[in-house]
Amino acid sequence: MAYYERHAFFCTNQREDKACCQNHDASALRAYAKERTKALRISGAGRVRVNIAGCLGRCEEGPIVVVYPEGVWYTYRDRADVDEIVEEHLLHGRVVERLKLD
């Protein structure tokens, strides 16, 4: 059994003079996602973990979060998008098709 049921990695990489997730407030939105999982009481061992990631290599599509074990990649723009990812995917296991990247 996996240590976490779901593990979300938010790219917070900063690159000079190039597209990057941090240019879209990725650190603050990752922190918000972490707060939401705690508020929903789904964070911790056996449940959900929200982590910072370095560059995930999809800078032009950012900001990016990838959720495992499903390996679903998302883009998001604001707290409403993060809420949807947290509540639909991390809490209920349903992929958010409108934010999903191929």
N, C-alpha and C. Protein backbone atom coordinates (compact mmCIF):
# COMPACT_ATOMS: atom_id res chain seq x y z
N MET A 1 0.84 -1.19 0.00
CA MET A 1 0.00 0.00 0.00
C MET A 1 0.88 1.25 0.00
N ALA A 2 0.48 2.25 -0.74
CA ALA A 2 1.24 3.50 -0.83
C ALA A 2 1.14 4.27 0.49
N TYR A 3 2.17 5.04 0.78
CA TYR A 3 2.18 5.84 2.00
C TYR A 3 1.10 6.92 1.96
N TYR A 4 0.89 7.51 0.76
CA TYR A 4 -0.18 8.49 0.56
C TYR A 4 -1.17 7.94 -0.45
N GLU A 5 -2.42 8.23 -0.25
CA GLU A 5 -3.44 7.85 -1.23
C GLU A 5 -3.26 8.66 -2.51
N ARG A 6 -2.99 9.97 -2.34
CA ARG A 6 -2.71 10.85 -3.48
C ARG A 6 -1.60 11.80 -3.08
N HIS A 7 -0.77 12.13 -4.07
CA HIS A 7 0.38 13.01 -3.83
C HIS A 7 0.40 14.04 -4.95
N ALA A 8 0.26 15.32 -4.58
CA ALA A 8 0.22 16.41 -5.56
C ALA A 8 1.53 17.19 -5.52
N PHE A 9 2.15 17.32 -6.68
CA PHE A 9 3.41 18.06 -6.81
C PHE A 9 3.16 19.34 -7.60
N PHE A 10 3.32 20.48 -6.95
CA PHE A 10 3.14 21.79 -7.56
C PHE A 10 4.50 22.34 -7.97
N CYS A 11 4.70 22.56 -9.26
CA CYS A 11 5.93 23.20 -9.72
C CYS A 11 5.94 24.64 -9.21
N THR A 12 7.04 25.02 -8.57
CA THR A 12 7.21 26.40 -8.10
C THR A 12 8.52 26.97 -8.63
N ASN A 13 8.99 26.40 -9.72
CA ASN A 13 10.28 26.81 -10.28
C ASN A 13 10.27 28.25 -10.80
N GLN A 14 11.38 28.92 -10.61
CA GLN A 14 11.57 30.29 -11.10
C GLN A 14 12.71 30.29 -12.11
N ARG A 15 12.45 30.80 -13.31
CA ARG A 15 13.49 30.94 -14.33
C ARG A 15 13.55 32.40 -14.74
N GLU A 16 14.74 32.87 -14.94
CA GLU A 16 14.94 34.25 -15.37
C GLU A 16 14.61 34.40 -16.85
N ASP A 17 13.80 35.38 -17.19
CA ASP A 17 13.50 35.75 -18.57
C ASP A 17 12.89 34.63 -19.40
N LYS A 18 12.22 33.67 -18.77
CA LYS A 18 11.56 32.59 -19.49
C LYS A 18 10.25 32.26 -18.78
N ALA A 19 9.39 31.56 -19.49
CA ALA A 19 8.14 31.12 -18.88
C ALA A 19 8.45 30.19 -17.71
N CYS A 20 7.70 30.35 -16.62
CA CYS A 20 7.86 29.46 -15.48
C CYS A 20 6.62 29.54 -14.60
N CYS A 21 6.41 28.52 -13.82
CA CYS A 21 5.22 28.45 -12.96
C CYS A 21 5.20 29.54 -11.91
N GLN A 22 6.36 29.89 -11.38
CA GLN A 22 6.40 30.90 -10.33
C GLN A 22 5.91 32.26 -10.81
N ASN A 23 6.01 32.53 -12.10
CA ASN A 23 5.48 33.78 -12.65
C ASN A 23 3.96 33.88 -12.52
N HIS A 24 3.33 32.75 -12.18
CA HIS A 24 1.87 32.70 -12.03
C HIS A 24 1.47 32.47 -10.57
N ASP A 25 2.33 32.89 -9.64
CA ASP A 25 2.04 32.80 -8.21
C ASP A 25 1.90 31.37 -7.72
N ALA A 26 2.69 30.47 -8.28
CA ALA A 26 2.60 29.05 -7.95
C ALA A 26 2.85 28.74 -6.48
N SER A 27 3.80 29.42 -5.85
CA SER A 27 4.09 29.13 -4.44
C SER A 27 2.90 29.45 -3.55
N ALA A 28 2.28 30.59 -3.77
CA ALA A 28 1.12 30.97 -2.96
C ALA A 28 -0.05 30.04 -3.20
N LEU A 29 -0.26 29.63 -4.44
CA LEU A 29 -1.37 28.74 -4.74
C LEU A 29 -1.11 27.32 -4.22
N ARG A 30 0.14 26.89 -4.20
CA ARG A 30 0.48 25.61 -3.58
C ARG A 30 0.21 25.66 -2.07
N ALA A 31 0.61 26.75 -1.44
CA ALA A 31 0.35 26.92 -0.01
C ALA A 31 -1.15 26.90 0.26
N TYR A 32 -1.92 27.53 -0.61
CA TYR A 32 -3.37 27.52 -0.47
C TYR A 32 -3.91 26.09 -0.58
N ALA A 33 -3.40 25.31 -1.54
CA ALA A 33 -3.84 23.91 -1.69
C ALA A 33 -3.54 23.12 -0.42
N LYS A 34 -2.39 23.35 0.16
CA LYS A 34 -2.02 22.66 1.40
C LYS A 34 -2.98 23.04 2.53
N GLU A 35 -3.30 24.32 2.63
CA GLU A 35 -4.27 24.79 3.63
C GLU A 35 -5.63 24.12 3.44
N ARG A 36 -6.06 24.02 2.18
CA ARG A 36 -7.36 23.41 1.88
C ARG A 36 -7.40 21.94 2.28
N THR A 37 -6.31 21.19 2.01
CA THR A 37 -6.31 19.77 2.39
C THR A 37 -6.37 19.63 3.91
N LYS A 38 -5.71 20.54 4.62
CA LYS A 38 -5.78 20.50 6.09
C LYS A 38 -7.19 20.85 6.57
N ALA A 39 -7.79 21.86 5.98
CA ALA A 39 -9.15 22.27 6.36
C ALA A 39 -10.16 21.16 6.10
N LEU A 40 -9.95 20.41 5.03
CA LEU A 40 -10.84 19.29 4.69
C LEU A 40 -10.49 18.01 5.44
N ARG A 41 -9.41 18.07 6.22
CA ARG A 41 -8.93 16.93 7.01
C ARG A 41 -8.59 15.72 6.16
N ILE A 42 -7.93 16.00 5.03
CA ILE A 42 -7.50 14.91 4.15
C ILE A 42 -5.99 14.86 4.01
N SER A 43 -5.26 15.66 4.80
CA SER A 43 -3.80 15.66 4.67
C SER A 43 -3.18 14.68 5.65
N GLY A 44 -2.01 14.16 5.28
CA GLY A 44 -1.26 13.29 6.17
C GLY A 44 -1.14 11.87 5.66
N ALA A 45 -0.43 11.07 6.42
CA ALA A 45 -0.15 9.68 6.05
C ALA A 45 -1.45 8.93 5.75
N GLY A 46 -1.40 8.18 4.66
CA GLY A 46 -2.57 7.42 4.24
C GLY A 46 -3.62 8.23 3.52
N ARG A 47 -3.41 9.53 3.41
CA ARG A 47 -4.39 10.40 2.78
C ARG A 47 -3.75 11.17 1.63
N VAL A 48 -3.57 12.49 1.81
CA VAL A 48 -3.09 13.36 0.74
C VAL A 48 -1.87 14.14 1.21
N ARG A 49 -0.92 14.30 0.31
CA ARG A 49 0.26 15.13 0.55
C ARG A 49 0.37 16.13 -0.59
N VAL A 50 0.63 17.40 -0.25
CA VAL A 50 0.86 18.47 -1.23
C VAL A 50 2.31 18.91 -1.07
N ASN A 51 3.08 18.80 -2.17
CA ASN A 51 4.50 19.12 -2.13
C ASN A 51 4.90 20.16 -3.17
N ILE A 52 6.01 20.82 -2.87
CA ILE A 52 6.69 21.69 -3.84
C ILE A 52 7.51 20.80 -4.76
N ALA A 53 7.53 21.14 -6.04
CA ALA A 53 8.38 20.44 -6.99
C ALA A 53 9.23 21.46 -7.72
N GLY A 54 10.38 21.03 -8.17
CA GLY A 54 11.18 21.85 -9.06
C GLY A 54 10.54 21.80 -10.44
N CYS A 55 11.29 22.17 -11.44
CA CYS A 55 10.76 22.23 -12.80
C CYS A 55 10.22 20.87 -13.24
N LEU A 56 8.99 20.88 -13.73
CA LEU A 56 8.37 19.67 -14.25
C LEU A 56 8.42 19.63 -15.78
N GLY A 57 9.07 20.63 -16.38
CA GLY A 57 9.34 20.60 -17.81
C GLY A 57 8.20 21.02 -18.72
N ARG A 58 7.16 21.59 -18.17
CA ARG A 58 6.02 22.03 -19.00
C ARG A 58 5.76 23.51 -18.75
N CYS A 59 6.83 24.28 -18.78
CA CYS A 59 6.82 25.69 -18.39
C CYS A 59 5.81 26.53 -19.17
N GLU A 60 5.68 26.29 -20.44
CA GLU A 60 4.78 27.09 -21.28
C GLU A 60 3.31 26.86 -20.94
N GLU A 61 3.01 25.74 -20.27
CA GLU A 61 1.63 25.41 -19.93
C GLU A 61 1.28 25.78 -18.49
N GLY A 62 2.23 26.33 -17.77
CA GLY A 62 2.10 26.55 -16.33
C GLY A 62 1.13 27.63 -15.92
N PRO A 63 0.84 27.60 -14.64
CA PRO A 63 1.43 26.75 -13.62
C PRO A 63 0.90 25.32 -13.70
N ILE A 64 1.70 24.40 -13.16
CA ILE A 64 1.45 22.97 -13.31
C ILE A 64 1.39 22.29 -11.95
N VAL A 65 0.49 21.33 -11.83
CA VAL A 65 0.48 20.38 -10.71
C VAL A 65 0.24 19.00 -11.30
N VAL A 66 0.94 18.01 -10.78
CA VAL A 66 0.72 16.63 -11.21
C VAL A 66 0.30 15.82 -9.98
N VAL A 67 -0.74 15.00 -10.15
CA VAL A 67 -1.29 14.22 -9.05
C VAL A 67 -1.02 12.74 -9.30
N TYR A 68 -0.40 12.11 -8.31
CA TYR A 68 -0.12 10.68 -8.34
C TYR A 68 -0.95 9.98 -7.27
N PRO A 69 -1.32 8.71 -7.47
CA PRO A 69 -0.70 7.77 -8.38
C PRO A 69 -1.26 7.79 -9.79
N GLU A 70 -2.31 8.58 -10.03
CA GLU A 70 -2.93 8.57 -11.36
C GLU A 70 -2.06 9.19 -12.44
N GLY A 71 -1.14 10.06 -12.07
CA GLY A 71 -0.28 10.72 -13.06
C GLY A 71 -1.04 11.73 -13.90
N VAL A 72 -2.00 12.41 -13.29
CA VAL A 72 -2.80 13.41 -14.00
C VAL A 72 -2.14 14.78 -13.85
N TRP A 73 -1.92 15.44 -15.00
CA TRP A 73 -1.31 16.77 -15.04
C TRP A 73 -2.39 17.81 -15.21
N TYR A 74 -2.28 18.89 -14.41
CA TYR A 74 -3.23 19.99 -14.48
C TYR A 74 -2.51 21.32 -14.65
N THR A 75 -3.23 22.25 -15.24
CA THR A 75 -2.87 23.66 -15.15
C THR A 75 -3.97 24.32 -14.32
N TYR A 76 -3.67 25.45 -13.73
CA TYR A 76 -4.63 26.17 -12.89
C TYR A 76 -4.28 27.64 -12.95
N ARG A 77 -5.22 28.51 -12.63
CA ARG A 77 -4.98 29.95 -12.71
C ARG A 77 -5.22 30.68 -11.39
N ASP A 78 -6.10 30.15 -10.56
CA ASP A 78 -6.48 30.89 -9.36
C ASP A 78 -6.96 29.93 -8.28
N ARG A 79 -7.39 30.50 -7.16
CA ARG A 79 -7.85 29.69 -6.04
C ARG A 79 -9.06 28.83 -6.40
N ALA A 80 -9.92 29.33 -7.25
CA ALA A 80 -11.10 28.54 -7.66
C ALA A 80 -10.67 27.26 -8.37
N ASP A 81 -9.66 27.37 -9.25
CA ASP A 81 -9.14 26.17 -9.93
C ASP A 81 -8.51 25.21 -8.93
N VAL A 82 -7.74 25.74 -7.99
CA VAL A 82 -7.11 24.91 -6.96
C VAL A 82 -8.18 24.23 -6.11
N ASP A 83 -9.22 24.97 -5.74
CA ASP A 83 -10.33 24.38 -4.98
C ASP A 83 -10.92 23.19 -5.73
N GLU A 84 -11.11 23.36 -7.02
CA GLU A 84 -11.71 22.29 -7.82
C GLU A 84 -10.81 21.06 -7.86
N ILE A 85 -9.51 21.25 -8.03
CA ILE A 85 -8.57 20.13 -8.04
C ILE A 85 -8.56 19.43 -6.68
N VAL A 86 -8.50 20.21 -5.61
CA VAL A 86 -8.47 19.64 -4.26
C VAL A 86 -9.77 18.89 -3.97
N GLU A 87 -10.89 19.53 -4.20
CA GLU A 87 -12.17 18.92 -3.83
C GLU A 87 -12.58 17.78 -4.74
N GLU A 88 -12.34 17.92 -6.03
CA GLU A 88 -12.75 16.85 -6.95
C GLU A 88 -11.73 15.71 -6.99
N HIS A 89 -10.47 16.04 -7.26
CA HIS A 89 -9.49 14.96 -7.44
C HIS A 89 -8.90 14.46 -6.13
N LEU A 90 -8.36 15.36 -5.32
CA LEU A 90 -7.69 14.91 -4.11
C LEU A 90 -8.67 14.33 -3.08
N LEU A 91 -9.84 14.90 -2.98
CA LEU A 91 -10.83 14.42 -2.01
C LEU A 91 -11.66 13.26 -2.55
N HIS A 92 -12.16 13.39 -3.78
CA HIS A 92 -13.11 12.41 -4.32
C HIS A 92 -12.56 11.50 -5.41
N GLY A 93 -11.34 11.75 -5.88
CA GLY A 93 -10.75 10.89 -6.90
C GLY A 93 -11.28 11.09 -8.30
N ARG A 94 -11.94 12.22 -8.55
CA ARG A 94 -12.49 12.50 -9.88
C ARG A 94 -11.59 13.48 -10.63
N VAL A 95 -11.20 13.12 -11.83
CA VAL A 95 -10.34 13.98 -12.65
C VAL A 95 -11.12 15.22 -13.07
N VAL A 96 -10.46 16.37 -13.01
CA VAL A 96 -11.06 17.64 -13.42
C VAL A 96 -10.69 17.85 -14.89
N GLU A 97 -11.55 17.42 -15.76
CA GLU A 97 -11.25 17.40 -17.20
C GLU A 97 -10.93 18.77 -17.76
N ARG A 98 -11.61 19.81 -17.31
CA ARG A 98 -11.40 21.14 -17.89
C ARG A 98 -10.01 21.71 -17.59
N LEU A 99 -9.34 21.22 -16.56
CA LEU A 99 -8.00 21.69 -16.20
C LEU A 99 -6.90 20.70 -16.57
N LYS A 100 -7.28 19.53 -17.02
CA LYS A 100 -6.34 18.46 -17.33
C LYS A 100 -5.52 18.78 -18.58
N LEU A 101 -4.23 18.46 -18.50
CA LEU A 101 -3.33 18.59 -19.64
C LEU A 101 -3.10 17.21 -20.24
N ASP A 102 -2.93 17.16 -21.56
CA ASP A 102 -2.62 15.89 -22.23
C ASP A 102 -1.15 15.60 -22.18
